Each structure stands twice: as structure tokens, then as C-alpha cells.
mmCIF file of all heavy atoms, coordinates in Angstrom:
data_MODEL
# 
_entry.id   MODEL 
# 
loop_
_atom_site.group_PDB 
_atom_site.id 
_atom_site.type_symbol 
_atom_site.label_atom_id 
_atom_site.label_alt_id 
_atom_site.label_comp_id 
_atom_site.label_asym_id 
_atom_site.label_entity_id 
_atom_site.label_seq_id 
_atom_site.pdbx_PDB_ins_code 
_atom_site.Cartn_x 
_atom_site.Cartn_y 
_atom_site.Cartn_z 
_atom_site.occupancy 
_atom_site.B_iso_or_equiv 
_atom_site.pdbx_formal_charge 
_atom_site.auth_seq_id 
_atom_site.auth_comp_id 
_atom_site.auth_asym_id 
_atom_site.auth_atom_id 
_atom_site.pdbx_PDB_model_num 
ATOM 1   N N   . MET A 1 1  ? 85.734 107.493 120.587 1.00 0.00 ? 1  MET A N   1 
ATOM 2   C CA  . MET A 1 1  ? 85.258 106.171 120.385 1.00 0.00 ? 1  MET A CA  1 
ATOM 3   C C   . MET A 1 1  ? 86.059 105.031 120.949 1.00 0.00 ? 1  MET A C   1 
ATOM 4   O O   . MET A 1 1  ? 85.507 104.170 121.623 1.00 0.00 ? 1  MET A O   1 
ATOM 5   C CB  . MET A 1 1  ? 85.063 105.985 118.874 1.00 0.00 ? 1  MET A CB  1 
ATOM 6   C CG  . MET A 1 1  ? 84.391 104.585 118.484 1.00 0.00 ? 1  MET A CG  1 
ATOM 7   S SD  . MET A 1 1  ? 82.773 104.437 119.178 1.00 0.00 ? 1  MET A SD  1 
ATOM 8   C CE  . MET A 1 1  ? 81.790 105.571 118.082 1.00 0.00 ? 1  MET A CE  1 
ATOM 9   N N   . GLU A 1 2  ? 87.275 105.069 120.797 1.00 0.00 ? 2  GLU A N   1 
ATOM 10  C CA  . GLU A 1 2  ? 88.173 104.016 121.278 1.00 0.00 ? 2  GLU A CA  1 
ATOM 11  C C   . GLU A 1 2  ? 88.067 103.864 122.828 1.00 0.00 ? 2  GLU A C   1 
ATOM 12  O O   . GLU A 1 2  ? 88.039 102.777 123.346 1.00 0.00 ? 2  GLU A O   1 
ATOM 13  C CB  . GLU A 1 2  ? 89.577 104.197 120.839 1.00 0.00 ? 2  GLU A CB  1 
ATOM 14  C CG  . GLU A 1 2  ? 90.508 103.032 121.289 1.00 0.00 ? 2  GLU A CG  1 
ATOM 15  C CD  . GLU A 1 2  ? 91.964 103.155 120.724 1.00 0.00 ? 2  GLU A CD  1 
ATOM 16  O OE1 . GLU A 1 2  ? 92.171 104.092 119.982 1.00 0.00 ? 2  GLU A OE1 1 
ATOM 17  O OE2 . GLU A 1 2  ? 92.771 102.312 121.113 1.00 0.00 ? 2  GLU A OE2 1 
ATOM 18  N N   . ARG A 1 3  ? 88.114 104.964 123.490 1.00 0.00 ? 3  ARG A N   1 
ATOM 19  C CA  . ARG A 1 3  ? 88.046 104.965 124.931 1.00 0.00 ? 3  ARG A CA  1 
ATOM 20  C C   . ARG A 1 3  ? 86.697 104.415 125.426 1.00 0.00 ? 3  ARG A C   1 
ATOM 21  O O   . ARG A 1 3  ? 86.570 103.639 126.359 1.00 0.00 ? 3  ARG A O   1 
ATOM 22  C CB  . ARG A 1 3  ? 88.258 106.399 125.563 1.00 0.00 ? 3  ARG A CB  1 
ATOM 23  C CG  . ARG A 1 3  ? 89.603 106.920 125.308 1.00 0.00 ? 3  ARG A CG  1 
ATOM 24  C CD  . ARG A 1 3  ? 89.842 108.163 126.158 1.00 0.00 ? 3  ARG A CD  1 
ATOM 25  N NE  . ARG A 1 3  ? 88.908 109.257 125.788 1.00 0.00 ? 3  ARG A NE  1 
ATOM 26  C CZ  . ARG A 1 3  ? 88.154 109.821 126.718 1.00 0.00 ? 3  ARG A CZ  1 
ATOM 27  N NH1 . ARG A 1 3  ? 88.162 109.519 127.962 1.00 0.00 ? 3  ARG A NH1 1 
ATOM 28  N NH2 . ARG A 1 3  ? 87.281 110.772 126.300 1.00 0.00 ? 3  ARG A NH2 1 
ATOM 29  N N   . PHE A 1 4  ? 85.670 104.844 124.656 1.00 0.00 ? 4  PHE A N   1 
ATOM 30  C CA  . PHE A 1 4  ? 84.285 104.453 124.983 1.00 0.00 ? 4  PHE A CA  1 
ATOM 31  C C   . PHE A 1 4  ? 84.160 102.969 124.869 1.00 0.00 ? 4  PHE A C   1 
ATOM 32  O O   . PHE A 1 4  ? 83.514 102.220 125.689 1.00 0.00 ? 4  PHE A O   1 
ATOM 33  C CB  . PHE A 1 4  ? 83.257 105.251 124.124 1.00 0.00 ? 4  PHE A CB  1 
ATOM 34  C CG  . PHE A 1 4  ? 81.843 104.839 124.377 1.00 0.00 ? 4  PHE A CG  1 
ATOM 35  C CD1 . PHE A 1 4  ? 81.142 105.300 125.471 1.00 0.00 ? 4  PHE A CD1 1 
ATOM 36  C CD2 . PHE A 1 4  ? 81.130 103.961 123.512 1.00 0.00 ? 4  PHE A CD2 1 
ATOM 37  C CE1 . PHE A 1 4  ? 79.806 104.991 125.745 1.00 0.00 ? 4  PHE A CE1 1 
ATOM 38  C CE2 . PHE A 1 4  ? 79.826 103.591 123.735 1.00 0.00 ? 4  PHE A CE2 1 
ATOM 39  C CZ  . PHE A 1 4  ? 79.165 104.141 124.898 1.00 0.00 ? 4  PHE A CZ  1 
ATOM 40  N N   . LEU A 1 5  ? 84.710 102.410 123.740 1.00 0.00 ? 5  LEU A N   1 
ATOM 41  C CA  . LEU A 1 5  ? 84.504 100.992 123.449 1.00 0.00 ? 5  LEU A CA  1 
ATOM 42  C C   . LEU A 1 5  ? 85.305 100.141 124.446 1.00 0.00 ? 5  LEU A C   1 
ATOM 43  O O   . LEU A 1 5  ? 85.023 98.980  124.702 1.00 0.00 ? 5  LEU A O   1 
ATOM 44  C CB  . LEU A 1 5  ? 84.991 100.610 122.066 1.00 0.00 ? 5  LEU A CB  1 
ATOM 45  C CG  . LEU A 1 5  ? 84.093 101.231 120.891 1.00 0.00 ? 5  LEU A CG  1 
ATOM 46  C CD1 . LEU A 1 5  ? 84.675 100.869 119.524 1.00 0.00 ? 5  LEU A CD1 1 
ATOM 47  C CD2 . LEU A 1 5  ? 82.671 100.726 121.029 1.00 0.00 ? 5  LEU A CD2 1 
ATOM 48  N N   . ASN A 1 6  ? 86.315 100.788 125.028 1.00 0.00 ? 6  ASN A N   1 
ATOM 49  C CA  . ASN A 1 6  ? 87.059 100.076 126.118 1.00 0.00 ? 6  ASN A CA  1 
ATOM 50  C C   . ASN A 1 6  ? 86.528 100.240 127.511 1.00 0.00 ? 6  ASN A C   1 
ATOM 51  O O   . ASN A 1 6  ? 87.085 99.758  128.460 1.00 0.00 ? 6  ASN A O   1 
ATOM 52  C CB  . ASN A 1 6  ? 88.569 100.640 126.097 1.00 0.00 ? 6  ASN A CB  1 
ATOM 53  C CG  . ASN A 1 6  ? 89.335 100.182 124.859 1.00 0.00 ? 6  ASN A CG  1 
ATOM 54  O OD1 . ASN A 1 6  ? 89.148 99.029  124.424 1.00 0.00 ? 6  ASN A OD1 1 
ATOM 55  N ND2 . ASN A 1 6  ? 90.252 100.961 124.448 1.00 0.00 ? 6  ASN A ND2 1 
ATOM 56  N N   . GLY A 1 7  ? 85.294 100.825 127.562 1.00 0.00 ? 7  GLY A N   1 
ATOM 57  C CA  . GLY A 1 7  ? 84.601 100.854 128.810 1.00 0.00 ? 7  GLY A CA  1 
ATOM 58  C C   . GLY A 1 7  ? 84.668 102.110 129.559 1.00 0.00 ? 7  GLY A C   1 
ATOM 59  O O   . GLY A 1 7  ? 84.170 102.224 130.708 1.00 0.00 ? 7  GLY A O   1 
ATOM 60  N N   . VAL A 1 8  ? 85.307 103.157 129.052 1.00 0.00 ? 8  VAL A N   1 
ATOM 61  C CA  . VAL A 1 8  ? 85.424 104.437 129.662 1.00 0.00 ? 8  VAL A CA  1 
ATOM 62  C C   . VAL A 1 8  ? 84.093 105.179 129.561 1.00 0.00 ? 8  VAL A C   1 
ATOM 63  O O   . VAL A 1 8  ? 83.480 105.241 128.436 1.00 0.00 ? 8  VAL A O   1 
ATOM 64  C CB  . VAL A 1 8  ? 86.553 105.295 128.969 1.00 0.00 ? 8  VAL A CB  1 
ATOM 65  C CG1 . VAL A 1 8  ? 86.547 106.672 129.698 1.00 0.00 ? 8  VAL A CG1 1 
ATOM 66  C CG2 . VAL A 1 8  ? 87.891 104.643 129.203 1.00 0.00 ? 8  VAL A CG2 1 
ATOM 67  N N   . LYS A 1 9  ? 83.642 105.716 130.643 1.00 0.00 ? 9  LYS A N   1 
ATOM 68  C CA  . LYS A 1 9  ? 82.364 106.610 130.576 1.00 0.00 ? 9  LYS A CA  1 
ATOM 69  C C   . LYS A 1 9  ? 82.646 107.994 130.157 1.00 0.00 ? 9  LYS A C   1 
ATOM 70  O O   . LYS A 1 9  ? 83.684 108.527 130.581 1.00 0.00 ? 9  LYS A O   1 
ATOM 71  C CB  . LYS A 1 9  ? 81.753 106.604 132.000 1.00 0.00 ? 9  LYS A CB  1 
ATOM 72  C CG  . LYS A 1 9  ? 81.258 105.260 132.559 1.00 0.00 ? 9  LYS A CG  1 
ATOM 73  C CD  . LYS A 1 9  ? 80.730 105.414 133.946 1.00 0.00 ? 9  LYS A CD  1 
ATOM 74  C CE  . LYS A 1 9  ? 80.352 104.040 134.499 1.00 0.00 ? 9  LYS A CE  1 
ATOM 75  N NZ  . LYS A 1 9  ? 79.729 104.196 135.926 1.00 0.00 ? 9  LYS A NZ  1 
ATOM 76  N N   . LEU A 1 10 ? 81.813 108.517 129.275 1.00 0.00 ? 10 LEU A N   1 
ATOM 77  C CA  . LEU A 1 10 ? 82.106 109.819 128.727 1.00 0.00 ? 10 LEU A CA  1 
ATOM 78  C C   . LEU A 1 10 ? 81.150 110.837 129.337 1.00 0.00 ? 10 LEU A C   1 
ATOM 79  O O   . LEU A 1 10 ? 79.977 110.560 129.630 1.00 0.00 ? 10 LEU A O   1 
ATOM 80  C CB  . LEU A 1 10 ? 81.858 109.830 127.161 1.00 0.00 ? 10 LEU A CB  1 
ATOM 81  C CG  . LEU A 1 10 ? 82.724 108.807 126.431 1.00 0.00 ? 10 LEU A CG  1 
ATOM 82  C CD1 . LEU A 1 10 ? 82.285 108.839 124.944 1.00 0.00 ? 10 LEU A CD1 1 
ATOM 83  C CD2 . LEU A 1 10 ? 84.246 109.077 126.559 1.00 0.00 ? 10 LEU A CD2 1 
ATOM 84  N N   . GLU A 1 11 ? 81.683 112.100 129.544 1.00 0.00 ? 11 GLU A N   1 
ATOM 85  C CA  . GLU A 1 11 ? 80.831 113.159 130.078 1.00 0.00 ? 11 GLU A CA  1 
ATOM 86  C C   . GLU A 1 11 ? 79.782 113.528 129.053 1.00 0.00 ? 11 GLU A C   1 
ATOM 87  O O   . GLU A 1 11 ? 80.011 113.446 127.880 1.00 0.00 ? 11 GLU A O   1 
ATOM 88  C CB  . GLU A 1 11 ? 81.734 114.336 130.389 1.00 0.00 ? 11 GLU A CB  1 
ATOM 89  C CG  . GLU A 1 11 ? 82.767 114.180 131.445 1.00 0.00 ? 11 GLU A CG  1 
ATOM 90  C CD  . GLU A 1 11 ? 82.189 114.047 132.855 1.00 0.00 ? 11 GLU A CD  1 
ATOM 91  O OE1 . GLU A 1 11 ? 81.066 114.541 133.046 1.00 0.00 ? 11 GLU A OE1 1 
ATOM 92  O OE2 . GLU A 1 11 ? 82.877 113.468 133.748 1.00 0.00 ? 11 GLU A OE2 1 
ATOM 93  N N   . THR A 1 12 ? 78.572 113.844 129.523 1.00 0.00 ? 12 THR A N   1 
ATOM 94  C CA  . THR A 1 12 ? 77.552 114.230 128.561 1.00 0.00 ? 12 THR A CA  1 
ATOM 95  C C   . THR A 1 12 ? 76.545 115.180 129.272 1.00 0.00 ? 12 THR A C   1 
ATOM 96  O O   . THR A 1 12 ? 76.401 115.195 130.468 1.00 0.00 ? 12 THR A O   1 
ATOM 97  C CB  . THR A 1 12 ? 76.774 112.962 128.149 1.00 0.00 ? 12 THR A CB  1 
ATOM 98  O OG1 . THR A 1 12 ? 75.736 113.327 127.059 1.00 0.00 ? 12 THR A OG1 1 
ATOM 99  C CG2 . THR A 1 12 ? 76.100 112.228 129.241 1.00 0.00 ? 12 THR A CG2 1 
ATOM 100 N N   . LYS A 1 13 ? 75.781 115.923 128.362 1.00 0.00 ? 13 LYS A N   1 
ATOM 101 C CA  . LYS A 1 13 ? 74.697 116.752 128.938 1.00 0.00 ? 13 LYS A CA  1 
ATOM 102 C C   . LYS A 1 13 ? 73.342 116.169 128.747 1.00 0.00 ? 13 LYS A C   1 
ATOM 103 O O   . LYS A 1 13 ? 72.318 116.723 129.059 1.00 0.00 ? 13 LYS A O   1 
ATOM 104 C CB  . LYS A 1 13 ? 74.793 118.097 128.222 1.00 0.00 ? 13 LYS A CB  1 
ATOM 105 C CG  . LYS A 1 13 ? 76.075 118.914 128.534 1.00 0.00 ? 13 LYS A CG  1 
ATOM 106 C CD  . LYS A 1 13 ? 76.020 120.275 127.854 1.00 0.00 ? 13 LYS A CD  1 
ATOM 107 C CE  . LYS A 1 13 ? 77.297 121.130 128.163 1.00 0.00 ? 13 LYS A CE  1 
ATOM 108 N NZ  . LYS A 1 13 ? 77.293 122.444 127.481 1.00 0.00 ? 13 LYS A NZ  1 
ATOM 109 N N   . PHE A 1 14 ? 73.285 114.939 128.102 1.00 0.00 ? 14 PHE A N   1 
ATOM 110 C CA  . PHE A 1 14 ? 72.057 114.273 127.888 1.00 0.00 ? 14 PHE A CA  1 
ATOM 111 C C   . PHE A 1 14 ? 71.454 113.835 129.218 1.00 0.00 ? 14 PHE A C   1 
ATOM 112 O O   . PHE A 1 14 ? 72.065 113.562 130.199 1.00 0.00 ? 14 PHE A O   1 
ATOM 113 C CB  . PHE A 1 14 ? 72.269 113.122 126.963 1.00 0.00 ? 14 PHE A CB  1 
ATOM 114 C CG  . PHE A 1 14 ? 72.463 113.416 125.556 1.00 0.00 ? 14 PHE A CG  1 
ATOM 115 C CD1 . PHE A 1 14 ? 73.477 114.247 125.082 1.00 0.00 ? 14 PHE A CD1 1 
ATOM 116 C CD2 . PHE A 1 14 ? 71.436 112.928 124.591 1.00 0.00 ? 14 PHE A CD2 1 
ATOM 117 C CE1 . PHE A 1 14 ? 73.546 114.494 123.725 1.00 0.00 ? 14 PHE A CE1 1 
ATOM 118 C CE2 . PHE A 1 14 ? 71.580 113.239 123.281 1.00 0.00 ? 14 PHE A CE2 1 
ATOM 119 C CZ  . PHE A 1 14 ? 72.634 114.057 122.782 1.00 0.00 ? 14 PHE A CZ  1 
ATOM 120 N N   . LYS A 1 15 ? 70.088 113.649 129.096 1.00 0.00 ? 15 LYS A N   1 
ATOM 121 C CA  . LYS A 1 15 ? 69.321 113.220 130.329 1.00 0.00 ? 15 LYS A CA  1 
ATOM 122 C C   . LYS A 1 15 ? 69.524 111.698 130.475 1.00 0.00 ? 15 LYS A C   1 
ATOM 123 O O   . LYS A 1 15 ? 69.906 110.969 129.614 1.00 0.00 ? 15 LYS A O   1 
ATOM 124 C CB  . LYS A 1 15 ? 67.855 113.512 130.122 1.00 0.00 ? 15 LYS A CB  1 
ATOM 125 C CG  . LYS A 1 15 ? 67.495 115.022 130.103 1.00 0.00 ? 15 LYS A CG  1 
ATOM 126 C CD  . LYS A 1 15 ? 66.016 115.194 129.903 1.00 0.00 ? 15 LYS A CD  1 
ATOM 127 C CE  . LYS A 1 15 ? 65.653 116.663 129.879 1.00 0.00 ? 15 LYS A CE  1 
ATOM 128 N NZ  . LYS A 1 15 ? 64.197 116.858 129.723 1.00 0.00 ? 15 LYS A NZ  1 
ATOM 129 N N   . ASP A 1 16 ? 69.254 111.223 131.717 1.00 0.00 ? 16 ASP A N   1 
ATOM 130 C CA  . ASP A 1 16 ? 69.366 109.803 131.996 1.00 0.00 ? 16 ASP A CA  1 
ATOM 131 C C   . ASP A 1 16 ? 68.469 108.983 131.089 1.00 0.00 ? 16 ASP A C   1 
ATOM 132 O O   . ASP A 1 16 ? 67.350 109.467 130.800 1.00 0.00 ? 16 ASP A O   1 
ATOM 133 C CB  . ASP A 1 16 ? 68.928 109.474 133.465 1.00 0.00 ? 16 ASP A CB  1 
ATOM 134 C CG  . ASP A 1 16 ? 69.985 109.956 134.468 1.00 0.00 ? 16 ASP A CG  1 
ATOM 135 O OD1 . ASP A 1 16 ? 71.023 110.492 134.066 1.00 0.00 ? 16 ASP A OD1 1 
ATOM 136 O OD2 . ASP A 1 16 ? 69.837 109.713 135.655 1.00 0.00 ? 16 ASP A OD2 1 
ATOM 137 N N   . GLY A 1 17 ? 68.914 107.882 130.625 1.00 0.00 ? 17 GLY A N   1 
ATOM 138 C CA  . GLY A 1 17 ? 68.102 107.029 129.761 1.00 0.00 ? 17 GLY A CA  1 
ATOM 139 C C   . GLY A 1 17 ? 68.963 106.187 128.793 1.00 0.00 ? 17 GLY A C   1 
ATOM 140 O O   . GLY A 1 17 ? 70.160 106.212 128.865 1.00 0.00 ? 17 GLY A O   1 
ATOM 141 N N   . ILE A 1 18 ? 68.280 105.426 127.932 1.00 0.00 ? 18 ILE A N   1 
ATOM 142 C CA  . ILE A 1 18 ? 68.924 104.579 126.942 1.00 0.00 ? 18 ILE A CA  1 
ATOM 143 C C   . ILE A 1 18 ? 69.012 105.315 125.590 1.00 0.00 ? 18 ILE A C   1 
ATOM 144 O O   . ILE A 1 18 ? 67.927 105.880 125.183 1.00 0.00 ? 18 ILE A O   1 
ATOM 145 C CB  . ILE A 1 18 ? 68.205 103.286 126.776 1.00 0.00 ? 18 ILE A CB  1 
ATOM 146 C CG1 . ILE A 1 18 ? 68.130 102.487 128.082 1.00 0.00 ? 18 ILE A CG1 1 
ATOM 147 C CG2 . ILE A 1 18 ? 68.895 102.342 125.686 1.00 0.00 ? 18 ILE A CG2 1 
ATOM 148 C CD1 . ILE A 1 18 ? 69.523 102.082 128.564 1.00 0.00 ? 18 ILE A CD1 1 
ATOM 149 N N   . TYR A 1 19 ? 70.097 105.343 124.845 1.00 0.00 ? 19 TYR A N   1 
ATOM 150 C CA  . TYR A 1 19 ? 70.267 106.012 123.650 1.00 0.00 ? 19 TYR A CA  1 
ATOM 151 C C   . TYR A 1 19 ? 70.841 105.051 122.579 1.00 0.00 ? 19 TYR A C   1 
ATOM 152 O O   . TYR A 1 19 ? 71.590 104.191 122.870 1.00 0.00 ? 19 TYR A O   1 
ATOM 153 C CB  . TYR A 1 19 ? 71.199 107.176 123.771 1.00 0.00 ? 19 TYR A CB  1 
ATOM 154 C CG  . TYR A 1 19 ? 70.644 108.303 124.672 1.00 0.00 ? 19 TYR A CG  1 
ATOM 155 C CD1 . TYR A 1 19 ? 70.774 108.205 126.057 1.00 0.00 ? 19 TYR A CD1 1 
ATOM 156 C CD2 . TYR A 1 19 ? 70.002 109.340 124.103 1.00 0.00 ? 19 TYR A CD2 1 
ATOM 157 C CE1 . TYR A 1 19 ? 70.271 109.139 126.905 1.00 0.00 ? 19 TYR A CE1 1 
ATOM 158 C CE2 . TYR A 1 19 ? 69.470 110.347 124.912 1.00 0.00 ? 19 TYR A CE2 1 
ATOM 159 C CZ  . TYR A 1 19 ? 69.596 110.290 126.348 1.00 0.00 ? 19 TYR A CZ  1 
ATOM 160 O OH  . TYR A 1 19 ? 69.049 111.235 127.111 1.00 0.00 ? 19 TYR A OH  1 
ATOM 161 N N   . LYS A 1 20 ? 70.430 105.307 121.275 1.00 0.00 ? 20 LYS A N   1 
ATOM 162 C CA  . LYS A 1 20 ? 70.986 104.474 120.199 1.00 0.00 ? 20 LYS A CA  1 
ATOM 163 C C   . LYS A 1 20 ? 72.293 105.150 119.745 1.00 0.00 ? 20 LYS A C   1 
ATOM 164 O O   . LYS A 1 20 ? 72.271 106.456 119.594 1.00 0.00 ? 20 LYS A O   1 
ATOM 165 C CB  . LYS A 1 20 ? 70.051 104.259 119.085 1.00 0.00 ? 20 LYS A CB  1 
ATOM 166 C CG  . LYS A 1 20 ? 69.403 105.623 118.477 1.00 0.00 ? 20 LYS A CG  1 
ATOM 167 C CD  . LYS A 1 20 ? 68.401 105.313 117.427 1.00 0.00 ? 20 LYS A CD  1 
ATOM 168 C CE  . LYS A 1 20 ? 67.723 106.577 116.910 1.00 0.00 ? 20 LYS A CE  1 
ATOM 169 N NZ  . LYS A 1 20 ? 66.643 106.331 115.937 1.00 0.00 ? 20 LYS A NZ  1 
ATOM 170 N N   . LEU A 1 21 ? 73.388 104.431 119.613 1.00 0.00 ? 21 LEU A N   1 
ATOM 171 C CA  . LEU A 1 21 ? 74.710 105.000 119.395 1.00 0.00 ? 21 LEU A CA  1 
ATOM 172 C C   . LEU A 1 21 ? 75.101 104.926 117.916 1.00 0.00 ? 21 LEU A C   1 
ATOM 173 O O   . LEU A 1 21 ? 74.823 103.878 117.276 1.00 0.00 ? 21 LEU A O   1 
ATOM 174 C CB  . LEU A 1 21 ? 75.700 104.324 120.231 1.00 0.00 ? 21 LEU A CB  1 
ATOM 175 C CG  . LEU A 1 21 ? 75.470 104.213 121.757 1.00 0.00 ? 21 LEU A CG  1 
ATOM 176 C CD1 . LEU A 1 21 ? 76.529 103.389 122.425 1.00 0.00 ? 21 LEU A CD1 1 
ATOM 177 C CD2 . LEU A 1 21 ? 75.434 105.589 122.308 1.00 0.00 ? 21 LEU A CD2 1 
ATOM 178 N N   . TYR A 1 22 ? 75.714 105.988 117.456 1.00 0.00 ? 22 TYR A N   1 
ATOM 179 C CA  . TYR A 1 22 ? 76.291 106.065 116.078 1.00 0.00 ? 22 TYR A CA  1 
ATOM 180 C C   . TYR A 1 22 ? 77.711 106.656 116.179 1.00 0.00 ? 22 TYR A C   1 
ATOM 181 O O   . TYR A 1 22 ? 78.015 107.434 117.030 1.00 0.00 ? 22 TYR A O   1 
ATOM 182 C CB  . TYR A 1 22 ? 75.415 106.855 115.269 1.00 0.00 ? 22 TYR A CB  1 
ATOM 183 C CG  . TYR A 1 22 ? 74.014 106.392 114.916 1.00 0.00 ? 22 TYR A CG  1 
ATOM 184 C CD1 . TYR A 1 22 ? 73.069 106.352 115.823 1.00 0.00 ? 22 TYR A CD1 1 
ATOM 185 C CD2 . TYR A 1 22 ? 73.771 105.763 113.595 1.00 0.00 ? 22 TYR A CD2 1 
ATOM 186 C CE1 . TYR A 1 22 ? 71.720 105.765 115.523 1.00 0.00 ? 22 TYR A CE1 1 
ATOM 187 C CE2 . TYR A 1 22 ? 72.578 105.225 113.368 1.00 0.00 ? 22 TYR A CE2 1 
ATOM 188 C CZ  . TYR A 1 22 ? 71.594 105.247 114.284 1.00 0.00 ? 22 TYR A CZ  1 
ATOM 189 O OH  . TYR A 1 22 ? 70.352 104.766 113.955 1.00 0.00 ? 22 TYR A OH  1 
ATOM 190 N N   . ASN A 1 23 ? 78.496 106.249 115.115 1.00 0.00 ? 23 ASN A N   1 
ATOM 191 C CA  . ASN A 1 23 ? 79.811 106.833 115.038 1.00 0.00 ? 23 ASN A CA  1 
ATOM 192 C C   . ASN A 1 23 ? 79.769 108.081 114.154 1.00 0.00 ? 23 ASN A C   1 
ATOM 193 O O   . ASN A 1 23 ? 78.610 108.402 113.602 1.00 0.00 ? 23 ASN A O   1 
ATOM 194 C CB  . ASN A 1 23 ? 80.868 105.887 114.639 1.00 0.00 ? 23 ASN A CB  1 
ATOM 195 C CG  . ASN A 1 23 ? 80.638 105.351 113.185 1.00 0.00 ? 23 ASN A CG  1 
ATOM 196 O OD1 . ASN A 1 23 ? 79.807 105.933 112.427 1.00 0.00 ? 23 ASN A OD1 1 
ATOM 197 N ND2 . ASN A 1 23 ? 81.253 104.292 112.831 1.00 0.00 ? 23 ASN A ND2 1 
ATOM 198 N N   . GLU A 1 24 ? 80.832 108.754 113.889 1.00 0.00 ? 24 GLU A N   1 
ATOM 199 C CA  . GLU A 1 24 ? 80.775 109.938 113.091 1.00 0.00 ? 24 GLU A CA  1 
ATOM 200 C C   . GLU A 1 24 ? 80.411 109.691 111.634 1.00 0.00 ? 24 GLU A C   1 
ATOM 201 O O   . GLU A 1 24 ? 79.944 110.604 110.946 1.00 0.00 ? 24 GLU A O   1 
ATOM 202 C CB  . GLU A 1 24 ? 82.192 110.620 113.089 1.00 0.00 ? 24 GLU A CB  1 
ATOM 203 C CG  . GLU A 1 24 ? 82.503 111.381 114.339 1.00 0.00 ? 24 GLU A CG  1 
ATOM 204 C CD  . GLU A 1 24 ? 83.751 112.171 114.242 1.00 0.00 ? 24 GLU A CD  1 
ATOM 205 O OE1 . GLU A 1 24 ? 84.439 112.036 113.207 1.00 0.00 ? 24 GLU A OE1 1 
ATOM 206 O OE2 . GLU A 1 24 ? 84.042 112.973 115.187 1.00 0.00 ? 24 GLU A OE2 1 
ATOM 207 N N   . ASN A 1 25 ? 80.532 108.412 111.196 1.00 0.00 ? 25 ASN A N   1 
ATOM 208 C CA  . ASN A 1 25 ? 80.071 108.043 109.834 1.00 0.00 ? 25 ASN A CA  1 
ATOM 209 C C   . ASN A 1 25 ? 78.679 107.618 109.722 1.00 0.00 ? 25 ASN A C   1 
ATOM 210 O O   . ASN A 1 25 ? 78.220 107.041 108.738 1.00 0.00 ? 25 ASN A O   1 
ATOM 211 C CB  . ASN A 1 25 ? 80.987 106.929 109.327 1.00 0.00 ? 25 ASN A CB  1 
ATOM 212 C CG  . ASN A 1 25 ? 82.485 107.403 109.216 1.00 0.00 ? 25 ASN A CG  1 
ATOM 213 O OD1 . ASN A 1 25 ? 82.797 108.491 108.834 1.00 0.00 ? 25 ASN A OD1 1 
ATOM 214 N ND2 . ASN A 1 25 ? 83.353 106.481 109.569 1.00 0.00 ? 25 ASN A ND2 1 
ATOM 215 N N   . ASN A 1 26 ? 77.895 107.894 110.821 1.00 0.00 ? 26 ASN A N   1 
ATOM 216 C CA  . ASN A 1 26 ? 76.490 107.628 110.890 1.00 0.00 ? 26 ASN A CA  1 
ATOM 217 C C   . ASN A 1 26 ? 76.220 106.073 110.872 1.00 0.00 ? 26 ASN A C   1 
ATOM 218 O O   . ASN A 1 26 ? 75.210 105.686 110.377 1.00 0.00 ? 26 ASN A O   1 
ATOM 219 C CB  . ASN A 1 26 ? 75.707 108.294 109.792 1.00 0.00 ? 26 ASN A CB  1 
ATOM 220 C CG  . ASN A 1 26 ? 74.171 108.480 110.176 1.00 0.00 ? 26 ASN A CG  1 
ATOM 221 O OD1 . ASN A 1 26 ? 73.869 108.738 111.320 1.00 0.00 ? 26 ASN A OD1 1 
ATOM 222 N ND2 . ASN A 1 26 ? 73.311 108.316 109.231 1.00 0.00 ? 26 ASN A ND2 1 
ATOM 223 N N   . LEU A 1 27 ? 77.162 105.301 111.370 1.00 0.00 ? 27 LEU A N   1 
ATOM 224 C CA  . LEU A 1 27 ? 77.010 103.848 111.418 1.00 0.00 ? 27 LEU A CA  1 
ATOM 225 C C   . LEU A 1 27 ? 76.497 103.439 112.841 1.00 0.00 ? 27 LEU A C   1 
ATOM 226 O O   . LEU A 1 27 ? 77.118 103.823 113.891 1.00 0.00 ? 27 LEU A O   1 
ATOM 227 C CB  . LEU A 1 27 ? 78.311 103.210 111.148 1.00 0.00 ? 27 LEU A CB  1 
ATOM 228 C CG  . LEU A 1 27 ? 78.326 101.593 111.278 1.00 0.00 ? 27 LEU A CG  1 
ATOM 229 C CD1 . LEU A 1 27 ? 77.519 101.071 110.122 1.00 0.00 ? 27 LEU A CD1 1 
ATOM 230 C CD2 . LEU A 1 27 ? 79.757 101.102 111.243 1.00 0.00 ? 27 LEU A CD2 1 
# 
């Protein structure tokens, strides 16, 4: 999370598109 919020791109297997984001606490 911290790296992501600082602008780091994360590796993923998801398809291209827009996603709604949640943290581990479902926020």
C-alpha cells in the first residue's frame, strides 16, 4: 500500500481497465 500510494506501479494479473481499490480492511 505505501509504495502504491507513493506512485509505484504494482505487478498484477488483472486485465486492462479501471478498478475500485480497497485496503486489507475493506476500506
